[in-house]
Amino acid sequence: VNSPSELTECILLIEKKLEALQAEPEKKNVLII
């Protein structure tokens, strides 16, 4: 992400990754740090 102030872009990336993980055959617990 270009800047620490671009939180909207960060949220979009998190949501995109969560959707990808949700689509995996084996569900995993996800920790966001």
Full PDB file with SEQRES, HELIX, SHEET, SSBOND, CRYST1, ORIGX, SCALE, CONECT and MASTER records, all heavy atoms in Angstrom:
SEQRES   1 A   33  VAL ASN SER PRO SER GLU LEU THR GLU CYS ILE LEU LEU          
SEQRES   2 A   33  ILE GLU LYS LYS LEU GLU ALA LEU GLN ALA GLU PRO GLU          
SEQRES   3 A   33  LYS LYS ASN VAL LEU ILE ILE                                  
HELIX    1 AA1 LEU A    7  GLN A   22  1                                  16    
CRYST1    1.000    1.000    1.000  90.00  90.00  90.00 P 1           1          
ORIGX1      1.000000  0.000000  0.000000        0.00000                         
ORIGX2      0.000000  1.000000  0.000000        0.00000                         
ORIGX3      0.000000  0.000000  1.000000        0.00000                         
SCALE1      1.000000  0.000000  0.000000        0.00000                         
SCALE2      0.000000  1.000000  0.000000        0.00000                         
SCALE3      0.000000  0.000000  1.000000        0.00000                         
ATOM      1  N   VAL A   1       0.872  -1.173   0.000  1.00  0.00           N  
ATOM      2  CA  VAL A   1       0.000   0.000   0.000  1.00  0.00           C  
ATOM      3  C   VAL A   1       0.910   1.223   0.000  1.00  0.00           C  
ATOM      4  O   VAL A   1       1.907   1.261   0.730  1.00  0.00           O  
ATOM      5  CB  VAL A   1      -0.929   0.004   1.230  1.00  0.00           C  
ATOM      6  CG1 VAL A   1      -1.771   1.270   1.268  1.00  0.00           C  
ATOM      7  CG2 VAL A   1      -1.830  -1.230   1.213  1.00  0.00           C  
ATOM      8  N   ASN A   2       0.577   2.216  -0.799  1.00  0.00           N  
ATOM      9  CA  ASN A   2       1.477   3.353  -0.994  1.00  0.00           C  
ATOM     10  C   ASN A   2       1.749   4.172   0.255  1.00  0.00           C  
ATOM     11  O   ASN A   2       2.831   4.747   0.406  1.00  0.00           O  
ATOM     12  CB  ASN A   2       0.926   4.274  -2.087  1.00  0.00           C  
ATOM     13  CG  ASN A   2       1.007   3.642  -3.463  1.00  0.00           C  
ATOM     14  OD1 ASN A   2       1.865   2.805  -3.726  1.00  0.00           O  
ATOM     15  ND2 ASN A   2       0.095   4.022  -4.340  1.00  0.00           N  
ATOM     16  N   SER A   3       0.774   4.246   1.158  1.00  0.00           N  
ATOM     17  CA  SER A   3       0.928   5.114   2.329  1.00  0.00           C  
ATOM     18  C   SER A   3       0.189   4.538   3.527  1.00  0.00           C  
ATOM     19  O   SER A   3      -0.858   3.892   3.367  1.00  0.00           O  
ATOM     20  CB  SER A   3       0.389   6.507   2.005  1.00  0.00           C  
ATOM     21  OG  SER A   3       0.252   7.282   3.182  1.00  0.00           O  
ATOM     22  N   PRO A   4       0.697   4.767   4.739  1.00  0.00           N  
ATOM     23  CA  PRO A   4       0.011   4.311   5.958  1.00  0.00           C  
ATOM     24  C   PRO A   4      -1.352   4.971   6.165  1.00  0.00           C  
ATOM     25  O   PRO A   4      -2.138   4.519   7.000  1.00  0.00           O  
ATOM     26  CB  PRO A   4       0.981   4.716   7.076  1.00  0.00           C  
ATOM     27  CG  PRO A   4       2.307   4.816   6.412  1.00  0.00           C  
ATOM     28  CD  PRO A   4       2.020   5.349   5.044  1.00  0.00           C  
ATOM     29  N   SER A   5      -1.630   6.024   5.420  1.00  0.00           N  
ATOM     30  CA  SER A   5      -2.918   6.706   5.549  1.00  0.00           C  
ATOM     31  C   SER A   5      -3.981   6.137   4.615  1.00  0.00           C  
ATOM     32  O   SER A   5      -5.159   6.499   4.712  1.00  0.00           O  
ATOM     33  CB  SER A   5      -2.755   8.207   5.273  1.00  0.00           C  
ATOM     34  OG  SER A   5      -2.301   8.430   3.953  1.00  0.00           O  
ATOM     35  N   GLU A   6      -3.597   5.223   3.729  1.00  0.00           N  
ATOM     36  CA  GLU A   6      -4.554   4.633   2.788  1.00  0.00           C  
ATOM     37  C   GLU A   6      -5.214   3.398   3.393  1.00  0.00           C  
ATOM     38  O   GLU A   6      -5.011   2.253   2.958  1.00  0.00           O  
ATOM     39  CB  GLU A   6      -3.853   4.298   1.476  1.00  0.00           C  
ATOM     40  CG  GLU A   6      -3.343   5.529   0.736  1.00  0.00           C  
ATOM     41  CD  GLU A   6      -2.790   5.204  -0.634  1.00  0.00           C  
ATOM     42  OE1 GLU A   6      -3.046   4.086  -1.136  1.00  0.00           O  
ATOM     43  OE2 GLU A   6      -2.111   6.062  -1.217  1.00  0.00           O  
ATOM     44  N   LEU A   7      -6.040   3.642   4.409  1.00  0.00           N  
ATOM     45  CA  LEU A   7      -6.670   2.549   5.142  1.00  0.00           C  
ATOM     46  C   LEU A   7      -7.754   1.851   4.318  1.00  0.00           C  
ATOM     47  O   LEU A   7      -7.991   0.651   4.491  1.00  0.00           O  
ATOM     48  CB  LEU A   7      -7.259   3.071   6.452  1.00  0.00           C  
ATOM     49  CG  LEU A   7      -6.248   3.698   7.428  1.00  0.00           C  
ATOM     50  CD1 LEU A   7      -6.937   4.099   8.722  1.00  0.00           C  
ATOM     51  CD2 LEU A   7      -5.094   2.749   7.709  1.00  0.00           C  
ATOM     52  N   THR A   8      -8.414   2.582   3.445  1.00  0.00           N  
ATOM     53  CA  THR A   8      -9.445   1.969   2.606  1.00  0.00           C  
ATOM     54  C   THR A   8      -8.846   0.897   1.711  1.00  0.00           C  
ATOM     55  O   THR A   8      -9.405  -0.204   1.562  1.00  0.00           O  
ATOM     56  CB  THR A   8     -10.146   3.037   1.733  1.00  0.00           C  
ATOM     57  OG1 THR A   8     -10.758   4.008   2.593  1.00  0.00           O  
ATOM     58  CG2 THR A   8     -11.208   2.390   0.856  1.00  0.00           C  
ATOM     59  N   GLU A   9      -7.689   1.194   1.126  1.00  0.00           N  
ATOM     60  CA  GLU A   9      -7.000   0.216   0.286  1.00  0.00           C  
ATOM     61  C   GLU A   9      -6.603  -1.010   1.101  1.00  0.00           C  
ATOM     62  O   GLU A   9      -6.710  -2.153   0.630  1.00  0.00           O  
ATOM     63  CB  GLU A   9      -5.749   0.843  -0.337  1.00  0.00           C  
ATOM     64  CG  GLU A   9      -4.912  -0.098  -1.196  1.00  0.00           C  
ATOM     65  CD  GLU A   9      -5.632  -0.571  -2.443  1.00  0.00           C  
ATOM     66  OE1 GLU A   9      -6.628   0.071  -2.842  1.00  0.00           O  
ATOM     67  OE2 GLU A   9      -5.204  -1.589  -3.014  1.00  0.00           O  
ATOM     68  N   CYS A  10      -6.177  -0.785   2.328  1.00  0.00           N  
ATOM     69  CA  CYS A  10      -5.800  -1.890   3.212  1.00  0.00           C  
ATOM     70  C   CYS A  10      -7.013  -2.781   3.502  1.00  0.00           C  
ATOM     71  O   CYS A  10      -6.912  -4.014   3.454  1.00  0.00           O  
ATOM     72  CB  CYS A  10      -5.229  -1.328   4.514  1.00  0.00           C  
ATOM     73  SG  CYS A  10      -4.774  -2.596   5.709  1.00  0.00           S  
ATOM     74  N   ILE A  11      -8.147  -2.179   3.790  1.00  0.00           N  
ATOM     75  CA  ILE A  11      -9.366  -2.944   4.081  1.00  0.00           C  
ATOM     76  C   ILE A  11      -9.781  -3.777   2.872  1.00  0.00           C  
ATOM     77  O   ILE A  11     -10.171  -4.942   3.008  1.00  0.00           O  
ATOM     78  CB  ILE A  11     -10.506  -1.995   4.498  1.00  0.00           C  
ATOM     79  CG1 ILE A  11     -10.187  -1.367   5.862  1.00  0.00           C  
ATOM     80  CG2 ILE A  11     -11.845  -2.743   4.561  1.00  0.00           C  
ATOM     81  CD1 ILE A  11     -11.161  -0.295   6.293  1.00  0.00           C  
ATOM     82  N   LEU A  12      -9.681  -3.192   1.683  1.00  0.00           N  
ATOM     83  CA  LEU A  12     -10.036  -3.926   0.466  1.00  0.00           C  
ATOM     84  C   LEU A  12      -9.139  -5.142   0.267  1.00  0.00           C  
ATOM     85  O   LEU A  12      -9.605  -6.217  -0.138  1.00  0.00           O  
ATOM     86  CB  LEU A  12      -9.942  -2.999  -0.745  1.00  0.00           C  
ATOM     87  CG  LEU A  12     -10.992  -1.888  -0.830  1.00  0.00           C  
ATOM     88  CD1 LEU A  12     -10.695  -0.968  -2.010  1.00  0.00           C  
ATOM     89  CD2 LEU A  12     -12.401  -2.474  -0.951  1.00  0.00           C  
ATOM     90  N   LEU A  13      -7.848  -4.996   0.565  1.00  0.00           N  
ATOM     91  CA  LEU A  13      -6.921  -6.121   0.444  1.00  0.00           C  
ATOM     92  C   LEU A  13      -7.234  -7.213   1.462  1.00  0.00           C  
ATOM     93  O   LEU A  13      -7.158  -8.411   1.153  1.00  0.00           O  
ATOM     94  CB  LEU A  13      -5.481  -5.636   0.619  1.00  0.00           C  
ATOM     95  CG  LEU A  13      -4.891  -4.826  -0.543  1.00  0.00           C  
ATOM     96  CD1 LEU A  13      -3.547  -4.231  -0.155  1.00  0.00           C  
ATOM     97  CD2 LEU A  13      -4.749  -5.696  -1.791  1.00  0.00           C  
ATOM     98  N   ILE A  14      -7.581  -6.805   2.684  1.00  0.00           N  
ATOM     99  CA  ILE A  14      -7.941  -7.778   3.724  1.00  0.00           C  
ATOM    100  C   ILE A  14      -9.185  -8.555   3.300  1.00  0.00           C  
ATOM    101  O   ILE A  14      -9.234  -9.790   3.401  1.00  0.00           O  
ATOM    102  CB  ILE A  14      -8.186  -7.074   5.074  1.00  0.00           C  
ATOM    103  CG1 ILE A  14      -6.875  -6.514   5.626  1.00  0.00           C  
ATOM    104  CG2 ILE A  14      -8.801  -8.052   6.084  1.00  0.00           C  
ATOM    105  CD1 ILE A  14      -7.046  -5.690   6.885  1.00  0.00           C  
ATOM    106  N   GLU A  15     -10.210  -7.838   2.829  1.00  0.00           N  
ATOM    107  CA  GLU A  15     -11.448  -8.493   2.415  1.00  0.00           C  
ATOM    108  C   GLU A  15     -11.210  -9.450   1.245  1.00  0.00           C  
ATOM    109  O   GLU A  15     -11.779 -10.552   1.194  1.00  0.00           O  
ATOM    110  CB  GLU A  15     -12.490  -7.441   2.044  1.00  0.00           C  
ATOM    111  CG  GLU A  15     -12.990  -6.638   3.244  1.00  0.00           C  
ATOM    112  CD  GLU A  15     -13.975  -5.565   2.837  1.00  0.00           C  
ATOM    113  OE1 GLU A  15     -14.052  -5.247   1.621  1.00  0.00           O  
ATOM    114  OE2 GLU A  15     -14.673  -5.038   3.722  1.00  0.00           O  
ATOM    115  N   LYS A  16     -10.368  -9.029   0.313  1.00  0.00           N  
ATOM    116  CA  LYS A  16     -10.056  -9.877  -0.836  1.00  0.00           C  
ATOM    117  C   LYS A  16      -9.376 -11.170  -0.393  1.00  0.00           C  
ATOM    118  O   LYS A  16      -9.701 -12.268  -0.877  1.00  0.00           O  
ATOM    119  CB  LYS A  16      -9.147  -9.119  -1.809  1.00  0.00           C  
ATOM    120  CG  LYS A  16      -8.766  -9.905  -3.047  1.00  0.00           C  
ATOM    121  CD  LYS A  16      -7.866  -9.075  -3.972  1.00  0.00           C  
ATOM    122  CE  LYS A  16      -7.450  -9.865  -5.202  1.00  0.00           C  
ATOM    123  NZ  LYS A  16      -6.559  -9.066  -6.094  1.00  0.00           N  
ATOM    124  N   LYS A  17      -8.441 -11.045   0.552  1.00  0.00           N  
ATOM    125  CA  LYS A  17      -7.737 -12.230   1.048  1.00  0.00           C  
ATOM    126  C   LYS A  17      -8.667 -13.137   1.839  1.00  0.00           C  
ATOM    127  O   LYS A  17      -8.596 -14.375   1.713  1.00  0.00           O  
ATOM    128  CB  LYS A  17      -6.552 -11.799   1.920  1.00  0.00           C  
ATOM    129  CG  LYS A  17      -5.649 -12.962   2.332  1.00  0.00           C  
ATOM    130  CD  LYS A  17      -5.033 -13.650   1.124  1.00  0.00           C  
ATOM    131  CE  LYS A  17      -4.100 -14.778   1.520  1.00  0.00           C  
ATOM    132  NZ  LYS A  17      -3.512 -15.461   0.354  1.00  0.00           N  
ATOM    133  N   LEU A  18      -9.548 -12.558   2.633  1.00  0.00           N  
ATOM    134  CA  LEU A  18     -10.495 -13.359   3.401  1.00  0.00           C  
ATOM    135  C   LEU A  18     -11.419 -14.151   2.477  1.00  0.00           C  
ATOM    136  O   LEU A  18     -11.747 -15.313   2.737  1.00  0.00           O  
ATOM    137  CB  LEU A  18     -11.328 -12.466   4.332  1.00  0.00           C  
ATOM    138  CG  LEU A  18     -10.600 -11.887   5.547  1.00  0.00           C  
ATOM    139  CD1 LEU A  18     -11.504 -10.919   6.297  1.00  0.00           C  
ATOM    140  CD2 LEU A  18     -10.131 -12.997   6.489  1.00  0.00           C  
ATOM    141  N   GLU A  19     -11.844 -13.527   1.407  1.00  0.00           N  
ATOM    142  CA  GLU A  19     -12.697 -14.218   0.430  1.00  0.00           C  
ATOM    143  C   GLU A  19     -11.946 -15.373  -0.216  1.00  0.00           C  
ATOM    144  O   GLU A  19     -12.512 -16.458  -0.434  1.00  0.00           O  
ATOM    145  CB  GLU A  19     -13.155 -13.236  -0.642  1.00  0.00           C  
ATOM    146  CG  GLU A  19     -14.172 -12.207  -0.144  1.00  0.00           C  
ATOM    147  CD  GLU A  19     -14.534 -11.193  -1.211  1.00  0.00           C  
ATOM    148  OE1 GLU A  19     -13.995 -11.297  -2.346  1.00  0.00           O  
ATOM    149  OE2 GLU A  19     -15.347 -10.302  -0.918  1.00  0.00           O  
ATOM    150  N   ALA A  20     -10.679 -15.161  -0.523  1.00  0.00           N  
ATOM    151  CA  ALA A  20      -9.868 -16.221  -1.124  1.00  0.00           C  
ATOM    152  C   ALA A  20      -9.694 -17.390  -0.163  1.00  0.00           C  
ATOM    153  O   ALA A  20      -9.780 -18.559  -0.550  1.00  0.00           O  
ATOM    154  CB  ALA A  20      -8.505 -15.666  -1.541  1.00  0.00           C  
ATOM    155  N   LEU A  21      -9.466 -17.091   1.098  1.00  0.00           N  
ATOM    156  CA  LEU A  21      -9.305 -18.139   2.109  1.00  0.00           C  
ATOM    157  C   LEU A  21     -10.608 -18.882   2.331  1.00  0.00           C  
ATOM    158  O   LEU A  21     -10.622 -20.091   2.570  1.00  0.00           O  
ATOM    159  CB  LEU A  21      -8.803 -17.533   3.424  1.00  0.00           C  
ATOM    160  CG  LEU A  21      -7.378 -16.982   3.407  1.00  0.00           C  
ATOM    161  CD1 LEU A  21      -7.079 -16.237   4.703  1.00  0.00           C  
ATOM    162  CD2 LEU A  21      -6.370 -18.118   3.218  1.00  0.00           C  
ATOM    163  N   GLN A  22     -11.717 -18.146   2.274  1.00  0.00           N  
ATOM    164  CA  GLN A  22     -13.027 -18.759   2.456  1.00  0.00           C  
ATOM    165  C   GLN A  22     -13.329 -19.749   1.339  1.00  0.00           C  
ATOM    166  O   GLN A  22     -14.041 -20.737   1.532  1.00  0.00           O  
ATOM    167  CB  GLN A  22     -14.114 -17.676   2.498  1.00  0.00           C  
ATOM    168  CG  GLN A  22     -15.518 -18.195   2.759  1.00  0.00           C  
ATOM    169  CD  GLN A  22     -15.689 -18.760   4.158  1.00  0.00           C  
ATOM    170  OE1 GLN A  22     -14.867 -18.513   5.031  1.00  0.00           O  
ATOM    171  NE2 GLN A  22     -16.746 -19.529   4.353  1.00  0.00           N  
ATOM    172  N   ALA A  23     -12.776 -19.506   0.161  1.00  0.00           N  
ATOM    173  CA  ALA A  23     -13.030 -20.367  -1.000  1.00  0.00           C  
ATOM    174  C   ALA A  23     -12.173 -21.630  -0.995  1.00  0.00           C  
ATOM    175  O   ALA A  23     -12.398 -22.543  -1.796  1.00  0.00           O  
ATOM    176  CB  ALA A  23     -12.780 -19.584  -2.286  1.00  0.00           C  
ATOM    177  N   GLU A  24     -11.183 -21.702  -0.114  1.00  0.00           N  
ATOM    178  CA  GLU A  24     -10.324 -22.880  -0.060  1.00  0.00           C  
ATOM    179  C   GLU A  24     -11.110 -24.097   0.434  1.00  0.00           C  
ATOM    180  O   GLU A  24     -12.005 -23.961   1.271  1.00  0.00           O  
ATOM    181  CB  GLU A  24      -9.132 -22.622   0.871  1.00  0.00           C  
ATOM    182  CG  GLU A  24      -8.133 -21.615   0.332  1.00  0.00           C  
ATOM    183  CD  GLU A  24      -6.930 -21.447   1.243  1.00  0.00           C  
ATOM    184  OE1 GLU A  24      -6.944 -22.022   2.354  1.00  0.00           O  
ATOM    185  OE2 GLU A  24      -5.985 -20.755   0.846  1.00  0.00           O  
ATOM    186  N   PRO A  25     -10.795 -25.293  -0.058  1.00  0.00           N  
ATOM    187  CA  PRO A  25     -11.518 -26.511   0.344  1.00  0.00           C  
ATOM    188  C   PRO A  25     -11.481 -26.755   1.849  1.00  0.00           C  
ATOM    189  O   PRO A  25     -12.482 -27.134   2.446  1.00  0.00           O  
ATOM    190  CB  PRO A  25     -10.774 -27.621  -0.417  1.00  0.00           C  
ATOM    191  CG  PRO A  25     -10.136 -26.923  -1.564  1.00  0.00           C  
ATOM    192  CD  PRO A  25      -9.773 -25.553  -1.064  1.00  0.00           C  
ATOM    193  N   GLU A  26     -10.331 -26.565   2.439  1.00  0.00           N  
ATOM    194  CA  GLU A  26     -10.189 -26.764   3.874  1.00  0.00           C  
ATOM    195  C   GLU A  26     -10.177 -25.411   4.568  1.00  0.00           C  
ATOM    196  O   GLU A  26      -9.307 -24.581   4.320  1.00  0.00           O  
ATOM    197  CB  GLU A  26      -8.899 -27.526   4.188  1.00  0.00           C  
ATOM    198  CG  GLU A  26      -8.876 -28.944   3.656  1.00  0.00           C  
ATOM    199  CD  GLU A  26      -7.628 -29.694   4.081  1.00  0.00           C  
ATOM    200  OE1 GLU A  26      -6.884 -29.150   4.928  1.00  0.00           O  
ATOM    201  OE2 GLU A  26      -7.396 -30.788   3.573  1.00  0.00           O  
ATOM    202  N   LYS A  27     -11.164 -25.193   5.431  1.00  0.00           N  
ATOM    203  CA  LYS A  27     -11.279 -23.914   6.120  1.00  0.00           C  
ATOM    204  C   LYS A  27     -10.209 -23.807   7.202  1.00  0.00           C  
ATOM    205  O   LYS A  27      -9.921 -24.765   7.924  1.00  0.00           O  
ATOM    206  CB  LYS A  27     -12.661 -23.761   6.749  1.00  0.00           C  
ATOM    207  CG  LYS A  27     -13.808 -23.981   5.782  1.00  0.00           C  
ATOM    208  CD  LYS A  27     -13.720 -23.082   4.563  1.00  0.00           C  
ATOM    209  CE  LYS A  27     -14.879 -23.313   3.615  1.00  0.00           C  
ATOM    210  NZ  LYS A  27     -14.753 -22.556   2.360  1.00  0.00           N  
ATOM    211  N   LYS A  28      -9.622 -22.627   7.299  1.00  0.00           N  
ATOM    212  CA  LYS A  28      -8.577 -22.382   8.285  1.00  0.00           C  
ATOM    213  C   LYS A  28      -8.992 -21.227   9.203  1.00  0.00           C  
ATOM    214  O   LYS A  28      -9.729 -20.325   8.794  1.00  0.00           O  
ATOM    215  CB  LYS A  28      -7.252 -22.008   7.600  1.00  0.00           C  
ATOM    216  CG  LYS A  28      -6.824 -22.947   6.493  1.00  0.00           C  
ATOM    217  CD  LYS A  28      -6.361 -24.278   7.021  1.00  0.00           C  
ATOM    218  CE  LYS A  28      -5.825 -25.156   5.899  1.00  0.00           C  
ATOM    219  NZ  LYS A  28      -5.388 -26.483   6.375  1.00  0.00           N  
ATOM    220  N   ASN A  29      -8.531 -21.281  10.432  1.00  0.00           N  
ATOM    221  CA  ASN A  29      -8.679 -20.120  11.304  1.00  0.00           C  
ATOM    222  C   ASN A  29      -7.761 -19.023  10.792  1.00  0.00           C  
ATOM    223  O   ASN A  29      -6.644 -19.299  10.350  1.00  0.00           O  
ATOM    224  CB  ASN A  29      -8.320 -20.472  12.748  1.00  0.00           C  
ATOM    225  CG  ASN A  29      -9.332 -21.401  13.383  1.00  0.00           C  
ATOM    226  OD1 ASN A  29     -10.532 -21.279  13.161  1.00  0.00           O  
ATOM    227  ND2 ASN A  29      -8.853 -22.362  14.166  1.00  0.00           N  
ATOM    228  N   VAL A  30      -8.223 -17.795  10.853  1.00  0.00           N  
ATOM    229  CA  VAL A  30      -7.437 -16.676  10.340  1.00  0.00           C  
ATOM    230  C   VAL A  30      -7.187 -15.664  11.456  1.00  0.00           C  
ATOM    231  O   VAL A  30      -8.118 -15.230  12.134  1.00  0.00           O  
ATOM    232  CB  VAL A  30      -8.156 -15.973   9.170  1.00  0.00           C  
ATOM    233  CG1 VAL A  30      -7.308 -14.807   8.660  1.00  0.00           C  
ATOM    234  CG2 VAL A  30      -8.427 -16.954   8.037  1.00  0.00           C  
ATOM    235  N   LEU A  31      -5.928 -15.315  11.631  1.00  0.00           N  
ATOM    236  CA  LEU A  31      -5.541 -14.286  12.585  1.00  0.00           C  
ATOM    237  C   LEU A  31      -5.092 -13.054  11.813  1.00  0.00           C  
ATOM    238  O   LEU A  31      -4.231 -13.144  10.940  1.00  0.00           O  
ATOM    239  CB  LEU A  31      -4.387 -14.772  13.473  1.00  0.00           C  
ATOM    240  CG  LEU A  31      -3.858 -13.743  14.487  1.00  0.00           C  
ATOM    241  CD1 LEU A  31      -4.847 -13.572  15.633  1.00  0.00           C  
ATOM    242  CD2 LEU A  31      -2.501 -14.166  15.019  1.00  0.00           C  
ATOM    243  N   ILE A  32      -5.692 -11.912  12.116  1.00  0.00           N  
ATOM    244  CA  ILE A  32      -5.290 -10.649  11.493  1.00  0.00           C  
ATOM    245  C   ILE A  32      -4.505  -9.849  12.519  1.00  0.00           C  
ATOM    246  O   ILE A  32      -4.989  -9.573  13.613  1.00  0.00           O  
ATOM    247  CB  ILE A  32      -6.513  -9.844  11.016  1.00  0.00           C  
ATOM    248  CG1 ILE A  32      -7.337 -10.668  10.021  1.00  0.00           C  
ATOM    249  CG2 ILE A  32      -6.058  -8.536  10.372  1.00  0.00           C  
ATOM    250  CD1 ILE A  32      -8.619  -9.996   9.581  1.00  0.00           C  
ATOM    251  N   ILE A  33      -3.287  -9.489  12.159  1.00  0.00           N  
ATOM    252  CA  ILE A  33      -2.420  -8.730  13.066  1.00  0.00           C  
ATOM    253  C   ILE A  33      -2.212  -7.332  12.498  1.00  0.00           C  
ATOM    254  O   ILE A  33      -1.829  -7.175  11.336  1.00  0.00           O  
ATOM    255  CB  ILE A  33      -1.053  -9.426  13.234  1.00  0.00           C  
ATOM    256  CG1 ILE A  33      -1.232 -10.834  13.815  1.00  0.00           C  
ATOM    257  CG2 ILE A  33      -0.130  -8.591  14.124  1.00  0.00           C  
ATOM    258  CD1 ILE A  33       0.063 -11.621  13.912  1.00  0.00           C  
TER     259      ILE A  33                                                      
MASTER        0    0    0    1    0    0    0    6  258    1    0    3          
END                                                                             
